Every structure is written in C-alpha cells, then in structure tokens.
C-alpha cells in the first residue's frame, strides 16, 4: 500500500506564485496570518510523522490496528490532514487567480452569496460548516467569480477561528484587487459547540469584515448585508 505513496498523494514542494506571495505578505503585515512556523518538513515528511502519531493515538485509545477496518486509519488521517483539510497551510497550493483589467468600467457591487465551505476549529480540531458571502466594488481590476470561491476554500482548509478566516478573505481580496472596497460575511456551525461541550445543535455564528465604502457607507453596507 505505502509503496505507491508518492503517486497516491502527489506530494510536491511547490514554488509560490506572485499572487500567493502578495497575499501572504499582506496577511503578515496586517497581523492576520495563521500562526505558523517553517519546520522545514516536506509534505511527505509531514505525512509520515502524522501517520506515526495517529498510530499512537489509536492504540492509546485501546483500538486494534491489526483489524482490517482500522489498519489504514492512520494512513487515511495523515493523508487527509496534509492533502485535504489542512492543505491551505501550504501557499504553494494557493489557487491560480485570474485578475483582469476592468475594461468594462464596472462600478457597481459584485456579490457572491452562499459560498459553502468546511473548515476545522483550531481549538478542538473538529468541523466548522458554513456559508460565506463576499462582495467588492470594482476599481481598476475585476476577478474571475470562481476564484472568490477558491480563495474562501483555501483559507478554510486550515485550522481556523471564524473571526480570522473572515478577515483573511477580506485582506486577500483587497490585496489582489488593489481596493479597500471589499466585504465578507460568514455564517457557520461549529461542531465544537454542536457535538461536544455545551452540545447546542441549533446555534450558528455570524462574523463580518468590512473595508472601504462597505464600512463608511450605510447604504453600501446595507446592500451587502441584505439577502
């Protein structure tokens, strides 16, 4: 099974695009970057360490790794962590962004609603399940609509707190579009609230980040927040 690991998981150390570098620098400057350290590990090395660690977790819980239902669990979790649910920690995987000159002279709000995402609470490593709404007022540049969805997904694929996630999406689009006129709203269910602790299955959390006219103008803010 593990002989074809590199082929199965396509582990690569990727160079950063200019867009990824711009976004990372903007987040660091604003103090909104996810707390990360460069431990020098390749994706393959991260996979191997996580797999080994989860072998200890599973056996410590008293589960039998020789059972055919559990034997591949550490492999599955390690692959999932590195390649899927935490892939947003690797700026080498930042989505290819299409930003073009605003030749059409669009000056009205562009809004994308109901962007679905799944993230992970960094406090308990359980699911955050939510919808995002993102808008901007074009100046000199416009962005491909699907790229907004991809940006939301990229930052969701990290251990997160919802407040930071909301701000990261805002600052990213401000940096790429070179305008402050961006707004982000997220409504999400946190399974650290729903499935443990207080075990409240009906509550959700809403966060909003506003820039430029979205913050200064009641009319613009109201148009964004309206369904």
Protein backbone atom coordinates (compact mmCIF):
# COMPACT_ATOMS: atom_id res chain seq x y z
CA UNK A 1 0.00 0.00 0.00
CA UNK A 2 2.67 2.52 1.01
CA UNK A 3 4.99 1.67 -1.89
CA UNK A 4 2.98 3.97 -4.17
CA UNK A 5 2.54 6.73 -1.62
CA UNK A 6 4.14 9.49 -3.70
CA UNK A 7 1.92 8.60 -6.65
CA UNK A 8 -1.22 8.32 -4.50
CA UNK A 9 -0.82 11.64 -2.72
CA UNK A 10 1.16 13.67 -5.29
CA UNK A 11 3.38 15.21 -2.62
CA UNK A 12 5.35 18.11 -4.03
CA UNK A 13 7.10 21.17 -2.67
CA UNK A 14 5.70 23.92 -4.87
CA UNK A 15 7.12 27.37 -5.54
CA UNK A 16 4.97 30.33 -4.58
CA UNK A 17 3.18 32.34 -7.24
CA UNK A 18 3.38 36.13 -7.20
CA UNK A 19 -0.26 36.23 -6.05
CA UNK A 20 0.42 33.85 -3.17
CA UNK A 21 3.42 35.91 -2.09
CA UNK A 22 1.41 39.14 -2.25
CA UNK A 23 -1.39 37.62 -0.17
CA UNK A 24 0.94 36.10 2.43
CA UNK A 25 2.83 39.38 2.82
CA UNK A 26 -0.42 41.33 3.20
CA UNK A 27 -1.66 38.96 5.91
CA UNK A 28 1.62 39.10 7.79
CA UNK A 29 1.64 42.91 7.60
CA UNK A 30 -1.93 43.09 8.92
CA UNK A 31 -1.24 40.58 11.72
CA UNK A 32 -3.84 38.18 10.33
CA UNK A 33 -1.65 35.30 9.21
CA UNK A 34 -2.42 31.93 10.75
CA UNK A 35 0.17 31.19 13.49
CA UNK A 36 2.64 29.01 11.59
CA UNK A 37 6.29 28.04 11.79
CA UNK A 38 8.53 26.82 8.99
CA UNK A 39 9.61 23.46 10.35
CA UNK A 40 11.42 22.57 7.13
CA UNK A 41 9.39 19.39 6.64
CA UNK A 42 8.29 18.29 3.19
CA UNK A 43 4.72 17.12 2.66
CA UNK A 44 5.97 13.54 2.64
CA UNK A 45 7.75 14.02 5.97
CA UNK A 46 4.65 15.60 7.49
CA UNK A 47 2.60 12.66 6.29
CA UNK A 48 4.97 10.14 7.87
CA UNK A 49 5.07 11.95 11.23
CA UNK A 50 1.30 12.36 11.43
CA UNK A 51 0.75 8.74 10.46
CA UNK A 52 3.10 7.58 13.21
CA UNK A 53 1.47 9.90 15.74
CA UNK A 54 -2.00 8.60 14.94
CA UNK A 55 -0.85 5.03 15.30
CA UNK A 56 -0.06 6.01 18.90
CA UNK A 57 -3.41 7.78 19.32
CA UNK A 58 -5.40 4.83 18.02
CA UNK A 59 -3.58 2.25 20.11
CA UNK A 60 -3.69 4.51 23.20
CA UNK A 61 -7.47 4.58 22.85
CA UNK A 62 -7.38 0.79 23.01
CA UNK A 63 -8.24 0.11 19.37
CA UNK A 64 -6.70 -2.79 17.46
CA UNK A 65 -4.70 -1.66 14.42
CA UNK A 66 -4.46 -5.24 13.18
CA UNK A 67 -8.21 -5.20 12.47
CA UNK A 68 -8.88 -4.71 8.77
CA UNK A 69 -11.29 -1.84 9.45
CA UNK A 70 -8.67 0.12 11.43
CA UNK A 71 -5.39 -0.87 9.80
CA UNK A 72 -5.34 2.01 7.31
CA UNK A 73 -6.82 4.64 9.64
CA UNK A 74 -3.50 6.38 10.49
CA UNK A 75 -2.64 6.48 6.77
CA UNK A 76 -6.05 7.92 5.88
CA UNK A 77 -5.88 10.59 8.59
CA UNK A 78 -2.33 11.64 7.70
CA UNK A 79 -3.18 11.89 4.01
CA UNK A 80 -6.39 13.79 4.80
CA UNK A 81 -4.57 16.28 7.03
CA UNK A 82 -1.75 17.07 4.61
CA UNK A 83 -3.53 16.85 1.26
CA UNK A 84 -7.08 17.86 2.08
CA UNK A 85 -8.41 19.57 5.18
CA UNK A 86 -5.17 21.39 6.07
CA UNK A 87 -3.83 21.94 2.55
CA UNK A 88 -4.45 25.68 2.95
CA UNK A 89 -1.36 25.88 5.17
CA UNK A 90 0.75 25.47 2.02
CA UNK A 91 0.91 28.65 -0.06
CA UNK A 92 2.32 26.54 -2.87
CA UNK A 93 -1.27 25.34 -3.29
CA UNK A 94 -2.78 28.84 -3.39
CA UNK A 95 -5.30 28.89 -6.25
CA UNK A 96 -4.33 30.33 -9.60
CA UNK A 97 -6.02 33.71 -9.62
CA UNK A 98 -7.37 35.48 -12.69
CA UNK A 99 -7.46 39.24 -12.14
CA UNK A 100 -8.11 41.30 -15.27
CA UNK A 101 -8.30 44.97 -16.18
CA UNK A 102 -11.73 46.46 -15.65
CA UNK A 103 -12.19 47.37 -19.32
CA UNK A 104 -15.98 47.19 -18.94
CA UNK A 105 -15.83 50.00 -16.37
CA UNK A 106 -17.93 48.03 -13.91
CA UNK A 107 -18.54 50.23 -10.87
CA UNK A 108 -21.47 48.52 -9.16
CA UNK A 109 -21.24 45.88 -6.46
CA UNK A 110 -20.19 42.34 -7.38
CA UNK A 111 -21.54 39.93 -4.76
CA UNK A 112 -21.21 36.16 -4.46
CA UNK A 113 -23.54 34.56 -1.91
CA UNK A 114 -23.88 31.14 -0.31
CA UNK A 115 -20.30 30.00 -0.84
CA UNK A 116 -20.23 26.70 1.01
CA UNK A 117 -17.10 25.67 2.90
CA UNK A 118 -15.92 23.23 5.53
CA UNK A 119 -13.15 24.19 7.91
CA UNK A 120 -11.65 22.90 11.17
CA UNK A 121 -11.71 24.54 14.59
CA UNK A 122 -8.12 25.07 15.70
CA UNK A 123 -9.08 24.65 19.36
CA UNK A 124 -10.59 21.16 19.13
CA UNK A 125 -9.82 20.02 15.56
CA UNK A 126 -13.47 19.38 14.76
CA UNK A 127 -15.59 20.65 11.88
CA UNK A 128 -16.77 24.17 11.09
CA UNK A 129 -19.50 24.08 8.45
CA UNK A 130 -20.58 27.35 6.90
CA UNK A 131 -21.63 29.71 4.13
CA UNK A 132 -19.74 32.83 3.07
CA UNK A 133 -20.90 35.95 1.28
CA UNK A 134 -18.29 38.10 -0.45
CA UNK A 135 -18.63 41.39 -2.32
CA UNK A 136 -16.43 44.10 -3.80
CA UNK A 137 -16.76 47.39 -5.66
CA UNK A 138 -14.53 47.19 -8.75
CA UNK A 139 -11.95 49.84 -9.49
CA UNK A 140 -9.19 49.03 -11.96
CA UNK A 141 -9.40 45.26 -11.63
CA UNK A 142 -12.02 42.52 -11.54
CA UNK A 143 -11.60 38.89 -10.52
CA UNK A 144 -12.95 35.68 -12.02
CA UNK A 145 -16.01 34.73 -9.97
CA UNK A 146 -14.96 31.14 -9.25
CA UNK A 147 -11.70 32.49 -7.83
CA UNK A 148 -13.60 34.05 -4.94
CA UNK A 149 -14.96 30.61 -4.04
CA UNK A 150 -11.46 29.14 -4.31
CA UNK A 151 -10.00 31.79 -2.01
CA UNK A 152 -12.67 31.05 0.61
CA UNK A 153 -11.93 27.34 0.35
CA UNK A 154 -8.15 27.82 0.55
CA UNK A 155 -8.29 29.68 3.85
CA UNK A 156 -10.99 27.36 5.18
CA UNK A 157 -8.61 24.44 4.68
CA UNK A 158 -6.61 25.36 7.77
CA UNK A 159 -7.12 25.06 11.50
CA UNK A 160 -9.18 28.21 11.97
CA UNK A 161 -11.15 30.55 14.13
CA UNK A 162 -14.04 32.10 12.26
CA UNK A 163 -13.08 35.68 13.04
CA UNK A 164 -9.63 35.24 11.49
CA UNK A 165 -10.99 33.36 8.47
CA UNK A 166 -13.37 36.23 7.71
CA UNK A 167 -10.57 38.80 7.91
CA UNK A 168 -8.16 36.69 5.85
CA UNK A 169 -10.59 36.53 2.94
CA UNK A 170 -11.11 40.30 3.16
CA UNK A 171 -7.40 41.19 3.18
CA UNK A 172 -6.65 38.69 0.40
CA UNK A 173 -9.17 40.25 -1.96
CA UNK A 174 -8.09 43.76 -1.02
CA UNK A 175 -4.50 42.85 -1.90
CA UNK A 176 -5.38 41.15 -5.19
CA UNK A 177 -7.93 43.73 -6.36
CA UNK A 178 -5.95 46.70 -5.01
CA UNK A 179 -9.01 48.25 -3.40
CA UNK A 180 -10.29 48.56 0.16
CA UNK A 181 -13.89 48.18 -1.01
CA UNK A 182 -14.39 44.55 -0.04
CA UNK A 183 -16.86 42.90 2.33
CA UNK A 184 -17.09 39.39 3.76
CA UNK A 185 -19.75 37.75 5.91
CA UNK A 186 -19.70 34.19 7.23
CA UNK A 187 -22.39 32.18 8.97
CA UNK A 188 -21.20 28.85 10.33
CA UNK A 189 -21.99 25.96 12.63
CA UNK A 190 -19.15 24.91 14.95
CA UNK A 191 -19.08 21.26 15.92
CA UNK A 192 -17.02 22.10 18.99
CA UNK A 193 -20.28 23.71 20.15
CA UNK A 194 -22.70 21.30 18.48
CA UNK A 195 -21.09 17.92 19.20
CA UNK A 196 -19.19 18.48 22.46
CA UNK A 197 -19.16 20.79 25.46
CA UNK A 198 -22.47 22.66 25.58
CA UNK A 199 -23.81 20.44 22.73
CA UNK A 200 -26.05 23.13 21.25
CA UNK A 201 -27.24 21.75 17.92
CA UNK A 202 -29.19 24.79 16.75
CA UNK A 203 -26.93 27.84 17.15
CA UNK A 204 -24.72 29.36 14.48
CA UNK A 205 -22.11 32.13 14.46
CA UNK A 206 -22.01 35.10 12.10
CA UNK A 207 -18.95 37.27 11.51
CA UNK A 208 -18.49 40.22 9.17
CA UNK A 209 -15.42 42.07 7.88
CA UNK A 210 -15.92 45.36 6.02
CA UNK A 211 -13.50 47.58 4.17
CA UNK A 212 -13.67 50.96 2.45
CA UNK A 213 -17.17 52.07 1.42
CA UNK A 214 -18.69 48.96 2.98
CA UNK A 215 -17.59 50.33 6.35
CA UNK A 216 -18.18 54.03 5.69
CA UNK A 217 -21.48 53.97 3.80
CA UNK A 218 -24.69 52.78 5.46
CA UNK A 219 -26.29 52.31 2.04
CA UNK A 220 -23.45 50.18 0.65
CA UNK A 221 -23.22 48.12 3.84
CA UNK A 222 -26.98 47.60 3.86
CA UNK A 223 -26.98 46.44 0.24
CA UNK A 224 -24.27 43.91 1.03
CA UNK A 225 -25.91 42.57 4.18
CA UNK A 226 -29.35 42.29 2.56
CA UNK A 227 -30.14 38.83 1.35
